[in-house]
Amino acid sequence: WVMVGHDEYKLRVAGCTTAVNAPTIMPYIN
C-alpha cells in the first residue's frame, strides 16, 4: 500500500500490524 498507494498515487496510507512485524514497517514513517 505504501509503494503503490502513496508512492505512485499520492494516497495517504496508515497501517496496523502485529508487534513482531512493526519494526520492519517503521522505516516507512519518514
Full PDB file with SEQRES, HELIX, SHEET, SSBOND, CRYST1, ORIGX, SCALE, CONECT and MASTER records, all heavy atoms in Angstrom:
SEQRES   1 A   30  TRP VAL MET VAL GLY HIS ASP GLU TYR LYS LEU ARG VAL          
SEQRES   2 A   30  ALA GLY CYS THR THR ALA VAL ASN ALA PRO THR ILE MET          
SEQRES   3 A   30  PRO TYR ILE ASN                                              
HELIX    1 AA1 VAL A    2  HIS A    6  3                                   5    
HELIX    2 AA2 ALA A   22  ILE A   25  1                                   4    
HELIX    3 AA3 MET A   26  TYR A   28  5                                   3    
CRYST1    1.000    1.000    1.000  90.00  90.00  90.00 P 1           1          
ORIGX1      1.000000  0.000000  0.000000        0.00000                         
ORIGX2      0.000000  1.000000  0.000000        0.00000                         
ORIGX3      0.000000  0.000000  1.000000        0.00000                         
SCALE1      1.000000  0.000000  0.000000        0.00000                         
SCALE2      0.000000  1.000000  0.000000        0.00000                         
SCALE3      0.000000  0.000000  1.000000        0.00000                         
ATOM      1  N   TRP A   1       0.827  -1.210   0.000  1.00  0.00           N  
ATOM      2  CA  TRP A   1       0.000   0.000   0.000  1.00  0.00           C  
ATOM      3  C   TRP A   1       0.859   1.256   0.000  1.00  0.00           C  
ATOM      4  O   TRP A   1       0.518   2.253  -0.648  1.00  0.00           O  
ATOM      5  CB  TRP A   1      -0.946  -0.008   1.192  1.00  0.00           C  
ATOM      6  CG  TRP A   1      -2.190  -0.793   0.949  1.00  0.00           C  
ATOM      7  CD1 TRP A   1      -2.479  -2.071   1.349  1.00  0.00           C  
ATOM      8  CD2 TRP A   1      -3.327  -0.350   0.193  1.00  0.00           C  
ATOM      9  NE1 TRP A   1      -3.704  -2.450   0.893  1.00  0.00           N  
ATOM     10  CE2 TRP A   1      -4.264  -1.414   0.184  1.00  0.00           C  
ATOM     11  CE3 TRP A   1      -3.646   0.832  -0.468  1.00  0.00           C  
ATOM     12  CZ2 TRP A   1      -5.494  -1.319  -0.457  1.00  0.00           C  
ATOM     13  CZ3 TRP A   1      -4.870   0.937  -1.103  1.00  0.00           C  
ATOM     14  CH2 TRP A   1      -5.785  -0.126  -1.097  1.00  0.00           C  
ATOM     15  N   VAL A   2       1.993   1.212   0.720  1.00  0.00           N  
ATOM     16  CA  VAL A   2       2.901   2.357   0.729  1.00  0.00           C  
ATOM     17  C   VAL A   2       3.509   2.578  -0.652  1.00  0.00           C  
ATOM     18  O   VAL A   2       3.500   3.695  -1.189  1.00  0.00           O  
ATOM     19  CB  VAL A   2       4.015   2.161   1.777  1.00  0.00           C  
ATOM     20  CG1 VAL A   2       5.132   3.188   1.573  1.00  0.00           C  
ATOM     21  CG2 VAL A   2       3.448   2.272   3.187  1.00  0.00           C  
ATOM     22  N   MET A   3       4.040   1.500  -1.241  1.00  0.00           N  
ATOM     23  CA  MET A   3       4.737   1.624  -2.522  1.00  0.00           C  
ATOM     24  C   MET A   3       3.809   2.016  -3.668  1.00  0.00           C  
ATOM     25  O   MET A   3       4.213   2.751  -4.578  1.00  0.00           O  
ATOM     26  CB  MET A   3       5.460   0.314  -2.848  1.00  0.00           C  
ATOM     27  CG  MET A   3       6.668   0.056  -1.962  1.00  0.00           C  
ATOM     28  SD  MET A   3       7.626  -1.396  -2.476  1.00  0.00           S  
ATOM     29  CE  MET A   3       6.536  -2.732  -1.970  1.00  0.00           C  
ATOM     30  N   VAL A   4       2.571   1.533  -3.623  1.00  0.00           N  
ATOM     31  CA  VAL A   4       1.630   1.852  -4.704  1.00  0.00           C  
ATOM     32  C   VAL A   4       0.712   3.007  -4.319  1.00  0.00           C  
ATOM     33  O   VAL A   4       0.649   4.030  -5.008  1.00  0.00           O  
ATOM     34  CB  VAL A   4       0.786   0.619  -5.075  1.00  0.00           C  
ATOM     35  CG1 VAL A   4      -0.230   0.987  -6.162  1.00  0.00           C  
ATOM     36  CG2 VAL A   4       1.674  -0.505  -5.563  1.00  0.00           C  
ATOM     37  N   GLY A   5       0.005   2.840  -3.208  1.00  0.00           N  
ATOM     38  CA  GLY A   5      -0.962   3.860  -2.805  1.00  0.00           C  
ATOM     39  C   GLY A   5      -0.341   5.224  -2.614  1.00  0.00           C  
ATOM     40  O   GLY A   5      -0.796   6.217  -3.198  1.00  0.00           O  
ATOM     41  N   HIS A   6       0.719   5.276  -1.807  1.00  0.00           N  
ATOM     42  CA  HIS A   6       1.348   6.570  -1.549  1.00  0.00           C  
ATOM     43  C   HIS A   6       2.329   6.980  -2.639  1.00  0.00           C  
ATOM     44  O   HIS A   6       2.229   8.056  -3.223  1.00  0.00           O  
ATOM     45  CB  HIS A   6       2.080   6.558  -0.205  1.00  0.00           C  
ATOM     46  CG  HIS A   6       2.814   7.832   0.071  1.00  0.00           C  
ATOM     47  ND1 HIS A   6       4.135   8.046  -0.316  1.00  0.00           N  
ATOM     48  CD2 HIS A   6       2.421   8.990   0.648  1.00  0.00           C  
ATOM     49  CE1 HIS A   6       4.507   9.260   0.027  1.00  0.00           C  
ATOM     50  NE2 HIS A   6       3.493   9.858   0.617  1.00  0.00           N  
ATOM     51  N   ASP A   7       3.313   6.110  -2.913  1.00  0.00           N  
ATOM     52  CA  ASP A   7       4.413   6.499  -3.798  1.00  0.00           C  
ATOM     53  C   ASP A   7       3.962   6.736  -5.235  1.00  0.00           C  
ATOM     54  O   ASP A   7       4.471   7.639  -5.906  1.00  0.00           O  
ATOM     55  CB  ASP A   7       5.512   5.433  -3.766  1.00  0.00           C  
ATOM     56  CG  ASP A   7       6.193   5.345  -2.405  1.00  0.00           C  
ATOM     57  OD1 ASP A   7       5.891   6.192  -1.541  1.00  0.00           O  
ATOM     58  OD2 ASP A   7       7.022   4.430  -2.199  1.00  0.00           O  
ATOM     59  N   GLU A   8       3.007   5.931  -5.735  1.00  0.00           N  
ATOM     60  CA  GLU A   8       2.572   6.095  -7.119  1.00  0.00           C  
ATOM     61  C   GLU A   8       1.364   7.009  -7.266  1.00  0.00           C  
ATOM     62  O   GLU A   8       1.276   7.781  -8.227  1.00  0.00           O  
ATOM     63  CB  GLU A   8       2.248   4.723  -7.735  1.00  0.00           C  
ATOM     64  CG  GLU A   8       3.468   3.842  -7.963  1.00  0.00           C  
ATOM     65  CD  GLU A   8       3.139   2.611  -8.776  1.00  0.00           C  
ATOM     66  OE1 GLU A   8       2.234   2.676  -9.645  1.00  0.00           O  
ATOM     67  OE2 GLU A   8       3.775   1.560  -8.547  1.00  0.00           O  
ATOM     68  N   TYR A   9       0.433   6.928  -6.302  1.00  0.00           N  
ATOM     69  CA  TYR A   9      -0.832   7.656  -6.468  1.00  0.00           C  
ATOM     70  C   TYR A   9      -1.085   8.715  -5.406  1.00  0.00           C  
ATOM     71  O   TYR A   9      -2.152   9.343  -5.398  1.00  0.00           O  
ATOM     72  CB  TYR A   9      -1.996   6.657  -6.500  1.00  0.00           C  
ATOM     73  CG  TYR A   9      -1.943   5.757  -7.701  1.00  0.00           C  
ATOM     74  CD1 TYR A   9      -1.428   4.456  -7.605  1.00  0.00           C  
ATOM     75  CD2 TYR A   9      -2.383   6.192  -8.948  1.00  0.00           C  
ATOM     76  CE1 TYR A   9      -1.364   3.627  -8.711  1.00  0.00           C  
ATOM     77  CE2 TYR A   9      -2.319   5.367 -10.056  1.00  0.00           C  
ATOM     78  CZ  TYR A   9      -1.817   4.088  -9.930  1.00  0.00           C  
ATOM     79  OH  TYR A   9      -1.747   3.266 -11.036  1.00  0.00           O  
ATOM     80  N   LYS A  10      -0.107   8.944  -4.513  1.00  0.00           N  
ATOM     81  CA  LYS A  10      -0.183  10.002  -3.506  1.00  0.00           C  
ATOM     82  C   LYS A  10      -1.385   9.873  -2.573  1.00  0.00           C  
ATOM     83  O   LYS A  10      -1.920  10.862  -2.076  1.00  0.00           O  
ATOM     84  CB  LYS A  10      -0.200  11.386  -4.177  1.00  0.00           C  
ATOM     85  CG  LYS A  10       0.930  11.606  -5.169  1.00  0.00           C  
ATOM     86  CD  LYS A  10       2.287  11.309  -4.545  1.00  0.00           C  
ATOM     87  CE  LYS A  10       3.415  11.435  -5.564  1.00  0.00           C  
ATOM     88  NZ  LYS A  10       4.736  11.014  -5.003  1.00  0.00           N  
ATOM     89  N   LEU A  11      -1.824   8.643  -2.354  1.00  0.00           N  
ATOM     90  CA  LEU A  11      -2.901   8.368  -1.415  1.00  0.00           C  
ATOM     91  C   LEU A  11      -2.303   8.273  -0.009  1.00  0.00           C  
ATOM     92  O   LEU A  11      -1.274   7.644   0.202  1.00  0.00           O  
ATOM     93  CB  LEU A  11      -3.584   7.049  -1.775  1.00  0.00           C  
ATOM     94  CG  LEU A  11      -4.704   6.555  -0.855  1.00  0.00           C  
ATOM     95  CD1 LEU A  11      -5.910   7.475  -0.942  1.00  0.00           C  
ATOM     96  CD2 LEU A  11      -5.094   5.111  -1.214  1.00  0.00           C  
ATOM     97  N   ARG A  12      -2.942   8.928   0.932  1.00  0.00           N  
ATOM     98  CA  ARG A  12      -2.464   8.846   2.309  1.00  0.00           C  
ATOM     99  C   ARG A  12      -2.718   7.432   2.849  1.00  0.00           C  
ATOM    100  O   ARG A  12      -3.815   6.897   2.691  1.00  0.00           O  
ATOM    101  CB  ARG A  12      -3.169   9.883   3.192  1.00  0.00           C  
ATOM    102  CG  ARG A  12      -2.827  11.320   2.836  1.00  0.00           C  
ATOM    103  CD  ARG A  12      -3.444  12.292   3.810  1.00  0.00           C  
ATOM    104  NE  ARG A  12      -4.913  12.241   3.782  1.00  0.00           N  
ATOM    105  CZ  ARG A  12      -5.707  12.905   4.622  1.00  0.00           C  
ATOM    106  NH1 ARG A  12      -5.173  13.654   5.585  1.00  0.00           N  
ATOM    107  NH2 ARG A  12      -7.020  12.821   4.519  1.00  0.00           N  
ATOM    108  N   VAL A  13      -1.691   6.868   3.487  1.00  0.00           N  
ATOM    109  CA  VAL A  13      -1.765   5.481   3.945  1.00  0.00           C  
ATOM    110  C   VAL A  13      -1.366   5.390   5.415  1.00  0.00           C  
ATOM    111  O   VAL A  13      -0.387   6.003   5.848  1.00  0.00           O  
ATOM    112  CB  VAL A  13      -0.846   4.564   3.118  1.00  0.00           C  
ATOM    113  CG1 VAL A  13      -0.872   3.137   3.663  1.00  0.00           C  
ATOM    114  CG2 VAL A  13      -1.242   4.580   1.644  1.00  0.00           C  
ATOM    115  N   ALA A  14      -2.147   4.640   6.185  1.00  0.00           N  
ATOM    116  CA  ALA A  14      -1.805   4.312   7.567  1.00  0.00           C  
ATOM    117  C   ALA A  14      -1.791   2.794   7.696  1.00  0.00           C  
ATOM    118  O   ALA A  14      -2.363   2.080   6.861  1.00  0.00           O  
ATOM    119  CB  ALA A  14      -2.806   4.920   8.540  1.00  0.00           C  
ATOM    120  N   GLY A  15      -1.142   2.292   8.743  1.00  0.00           N  
ATOM    121  CA  GLY A  15      -1.017   0.847   8.881  1.00  0.00           C  
ATOM    122  C   GLY A  15      -1.327   0.351  10.281  1.00  0.00           C  
ATOM    123  O   GLY A  15      -1.162   1.076  11.271  1.00  0.00           O  
ATOM    124  N   CYS A  16      -1.781  -0.879  10.339  1.00  0.00           N  
ATOM    125  CA  CYS A  16      -1.995  -1.592  11.602  1.00  0.00           C  
ATOM    126  C   CYS A  16      -1.386  -2.978  11.423  1.00  0.00           C  
ATOM    127  O   CYS A  16      -1.724  -3.681  10.469  1.00  0.00           O  
ATOM    128  CB  CYS A  16      -3.485  -1.716  11.926  1.00  0.00           C  
ATOM    129  SG  CYS A  16      -4.353  -0.144  12.128  1.00  0.00           S  
ATOM    130  N   THR A  17      -0.503  -3.369  12.332  1.00  0.00           N  
ATOM    131  CA  THR A  17       0.182  -4.644  12.157  1.00  0.00           C  
ATOM    132  C   THR A  17       0.456  -5.302  13.506  1.00  0.00           C  
ATOM    133  O   THR A  17       0.160  -4.729  14.562  1.00  0.00           O  
ATOM    134  CB  THR A  17       1.496  -4.455  11.379  1.00  0.00           C  
ATOM    135  OG1 THR A  17       2.030  -5.724  11.011  1.00  0.00           O  
ATOM    136  CG2 THR A  17       2.525  -3.694  12.206  1.00  0.00           C  
ATOM    137  N   THR A  18       0.991  -6.508  13.452  1.00  0.00           N  
ATOM    138  CA  THR A  18       1.340  -7.227  14.672  1.00  0.00           C  
ATOM    139  C   THR A  18       2.625  -6.659  15.263  1.00  0.00           C  
ATOM    140  O   THR A  18       3.414  -6.004  14.570  1.00  0.00           O  
ATOM    141  CB  THR A  18       1.537  -8.713  14.365  1.00  0.00           C  
ATOM    142  OG1 THR A  18       2.542  -8.854  13.345  1.00  0.00           O  
ATOM    143  CG2 THR A  18       0.245  -9.346  13.868  1.00  0.00           C  
ATOM    144  N   ALA A  19       2.843  -6.929  16.542  1.00  0.00           N  
ATOM    145  CA  ALA A  19       4.027  -6.395  17.221  1.00  0.00           C  
ATOM    146  C   ALA A  19       5.317  -6.887  16.575  1.00  0.00           C  
ATOM    147  O   ALA A  19       6.287  -6.141  16.441  1.00  0.00           O  
ATOM    148  CB  ALA A  19       3.988  -6.784  18.697  1.00  0.00           C  
ATOM    149  N   VAL A  20       5.328  -8.149  16.129  1.00  0.00           N  
ATOM    150  CA  VAL A  20       6.545  -8.707  15.560  1.00  0.00           C  
ATOM    151  C   VAL A  20       6.879  -8.079  14.209  1.00  0.00           C  
ATOM    152  O   VAL A  20       8.060  -8.013  13.817  1.00  0.00           O  
ATOM    153  CB  VAL A  20       6.416 -10.245  15.431  1.00  0.00           C  
ATOM    154  CG1 VAL A  20       5.416 -10.629  14.350  1.00  0.00           C  
ATOM    155  CG2 VAL A  20       7.774 -10.887  15.169  1.00  0.00           C  
ATOM    156  N   ASN A  21       5.875  -7.608  13.484  1.00  0.00           N  
ATOM    157  CA  ASN A  21       6.106  -7.009  12.171  1.00  0.00           C  
ATOM    158  C   ASN A  21       6.364  -5.503  12.231  1.00  0.00           C  
ATOM    159  O   ASN A  21       6.872  -4.919  11.269  1.00  0.00           O  
ATOM    160  CB  ASN A  21       4.915  -7.260  11.250  1.00  0.00           C  
ATOM    161  CG  ASN A  21       4.886  -8.668  10.703  1.00  0.00           C  
ATOM    162  OD1 ASN A  21       5.920  -9.298  10.519  1.00  0.00           O  
ATOM    163  ND2 ASN A  21       3.699  -9.185  10.450  1.00  0.00           N  
ATOM    164  N   ALA A  22       6.000  -4.865  13.334  1.00  0.00           N  
ATOM    165  CA  ALA A  22       6.085  -3.407  13.430  1.00  0.00           C  
ATOM    166  C   ALA A  22       7.481  -2.850  13.141  1.00  0.00           C  
ATOM    167  O   ALA A  22       7.608  -1.852  12.416  1.00  0.00           O  
ATOM    168  CB  ALA A  22       5.596  -2.949  14.802  1.00  0.00           C  
ATOM    169  N   PRO A  23       8.575  -3.445  13.664  1.00  0.00           N  
ATOM    170  CA  PRO A  23       9.905  -2.869  13.397  1.00  0.00           C  
ATOM    171  C   PRO A  23      10.259  -2.805  11.909  1.00  0.00           C  
ATOM    172  O   PRO A  23      10.987  -1.905  11.479  1.00  0.00           O  
ATOM    173  CB  PRO A  23      10.847  -3.816  14.149  1.00  0.00           C  
ATOM    174  CG  PRO A  23      10.012  -4.397  15.234  1.00  0.00           C  
ATOM    175  CD  PRO A  23       8.661  -4.564  14.627  1.00  0.00           C  
ATOM    176  N   THR A  24       9.761  -3.756  11.111  1.00  0.00           N  
ATOM    177  CA  THR A  24      10.081  -3.741   9.676  1.00  0.00           C  
ATOM    178  C   THR A  24       9.282  -2.683   8.929  1.00  0.00           C  
ATOM    179  O   THR A  24       9.642  -2.304   7.810  1.00  0.00           O  
ATOM    180  CB  THR A  24       9.784  -5.126   9.046  1.00  0.00           C  
ATOM    181  OG1 THR A  24       8.374  -5.401   9.125  1.00  0.00           O  
ATOM    182  CG2 THR A  24      10.536  -6.223   9.771  1.00  0.00           C  
ATOM    183  N   ILE A  25       8.186  -2.188   9.543  1.00  0.00           N  
ATOM    184  CA  ILE A  25       7.340  -1.175   8.898  1.00  0.00           C  
ATOM    185  C   ILE A  25       7.756   0.232   9.288  1.00  0.00           C  
ATOM    186  O   ILE A  25       7.544   1.187   8.531  1.00  0.00           O  
ATOM    187  CB  ILE A  25       5.857  -1.402   9.282  1.00  0.00           C  
ATOM    188  CG1 ILE A  25       5.427  -2.838   8.959  1.00  0.00           C  
ATOM    189  CG2 ILE A  25       4.955  -0.413   8.553  1.00  0.00           C  
ATOM    190  CD1 ILE A  25       5.502  -3.190   7.495  1.00  0.00           C  
ATOM    191  N   MET A  26       8.377   0.374  10.443  1.00  0.00           N  
ATOM    192  CA  MET A  26       8.713   1.698  10.988  1.00  0.00           C  
ATOM    193  C   MET A  26       9.505   2.593  10.024  1.00  0.00           C  
ATOM    194  O   MET A  26       9.290   3.808  10.000  1.00  0.00           O  
ATOM    195  CB  MET A  26       9.485   1.546  12.298  1.00  0.00           C  
ATOM    196  CG  MET A  26       8.633   1.046  13.459  1.00  0.00           C  
ATOM    197  SD  MET A  26       7.295   2.176  13.882  1.00  0.00           S  
ATOM    198  CE  MET A  26       8.233   3.570  14.495  1.00  0.00           C  
ATOM    199  N   PRO A  27      10.445   2.056   9.219  1.00  0.00           N  
ATOM    200  CA  PRO A  27      11.201   2.942   8.320  1.00  0.00           C  
ATOM    201  C   PRO A  27      10.339   3.734   7.338  1.00  0.00           C  
ATOM    202  O   PRO A  27      10.788   4.772   6.811  1.00  0.00           O  
ATOM    203  CB  PRO A  27      12.133   1.973   7.580  1.00  0.00           C  
ATOM    204  CG  PRO A  27      12.312   0.832   8.526  1.00  0.00           C  
ATOM    205  CD  PRO A  27      10.986   0.683   9.200  1.00  0.00           C  
ATOM    206  N   TYR A  28       9.125   3.273   7.079  1.00  0.00           N  
ATOM    207  CA  TYR A  28       8.253   3.994   6.139  1.00  0.00           C  
ATOM    208  C   TYR A  28       7.647   5.253   6.769  1.00  0.00           C  
ATOM    209  O   TYR A  28       7.058   6.075   6.064  1.00  0.00           O  
ATOM    210  CB  TYR A  28       7.137   3.082   5.638  1.00  0.00           C  
ATOM    211  CG  TYR A  28       7.624   1.982   4.737  1.00  0.00           C  
ATOM    212  CD1 TYR A  28       7.762   0.676   5.213  1.00  0.00           C  
ATOM    213  CD2 TYR A  28       7.969   2.235   3.410  1.00  0.00           C  
ATOM    214  CE1 TYR A  28       8.222  -0.342   4.392  1.00  0.00           C  
ATOM    215  CE2 TYR A  28       8.436   1.220   2.587  1.00  0.00           C  
ATOM    216  CZ  TYR A  28       8.560  -0.065   3.081  1.00  0.00           C  
ATOM    217  OH  TYR A  28       9.018  -1.076   2.265  1.00  0.00           O  
ATOM    218  N   ILE A  29       7.775   5.384   8.080  1.00  0.00           N  
ATOM    219  CA  ILE A  29       7.322   6.620   8.731  1.00  0.00           C  
ATOM    220  C   ILE A  29       8.503   7.578   8.696  1.00  0.00           C  
ATOM    221  O   ILE A  29       9.366   7.577   9.566  1.00  0.00           O  
ATOM    222  CB  ILE A  29       6.862   6.346  10.172  1.00  0.00           C  
ATOM    223  CG1 ILE A  29       5.736   5.327  10.186  1.00  0.00           C  
ATOM    224  CG2 ILE A  29       6.405   7.632  10.844  1.00  0.00           C  
ATOM    225  CD1 ILE A  29       5.268   4.935  11.572  1.00  0.00           C  
ATOM    226  N   ASN A  30       8.544   8.402   7.690  1.00  0.00           N  
ATOM    227  CA  ASN A  30       9.693   9.269   7.459  1.00  0.00           C  
ATOM    228  C   ASN A  30       9.240  10.664   7.038  1.00  0.00           C  
ATOM    229  O   ASN A  30       8.049  10.998   7.102  1.00  0.00           O  
ATOM    230  CB  ASN A  30      10.617   8.656   6.394  1.00  0.00           C  
ATOM    231  CG  ASN A  30       9.834   8.244   5.142  1.00  0.00           C  
ATOM    232  OD1 ASN A  30       8.869   8.910   4.748  1.00  0.00           O  
ATOM    233  ND2 ASN A  30      10.233   7.141   4.517  1.00  0.00           N  
TER     234      ASN A  30                                                      
MASTER        0    0    0    3    0    0    0    6  233    1    0    3          
END                                                                             
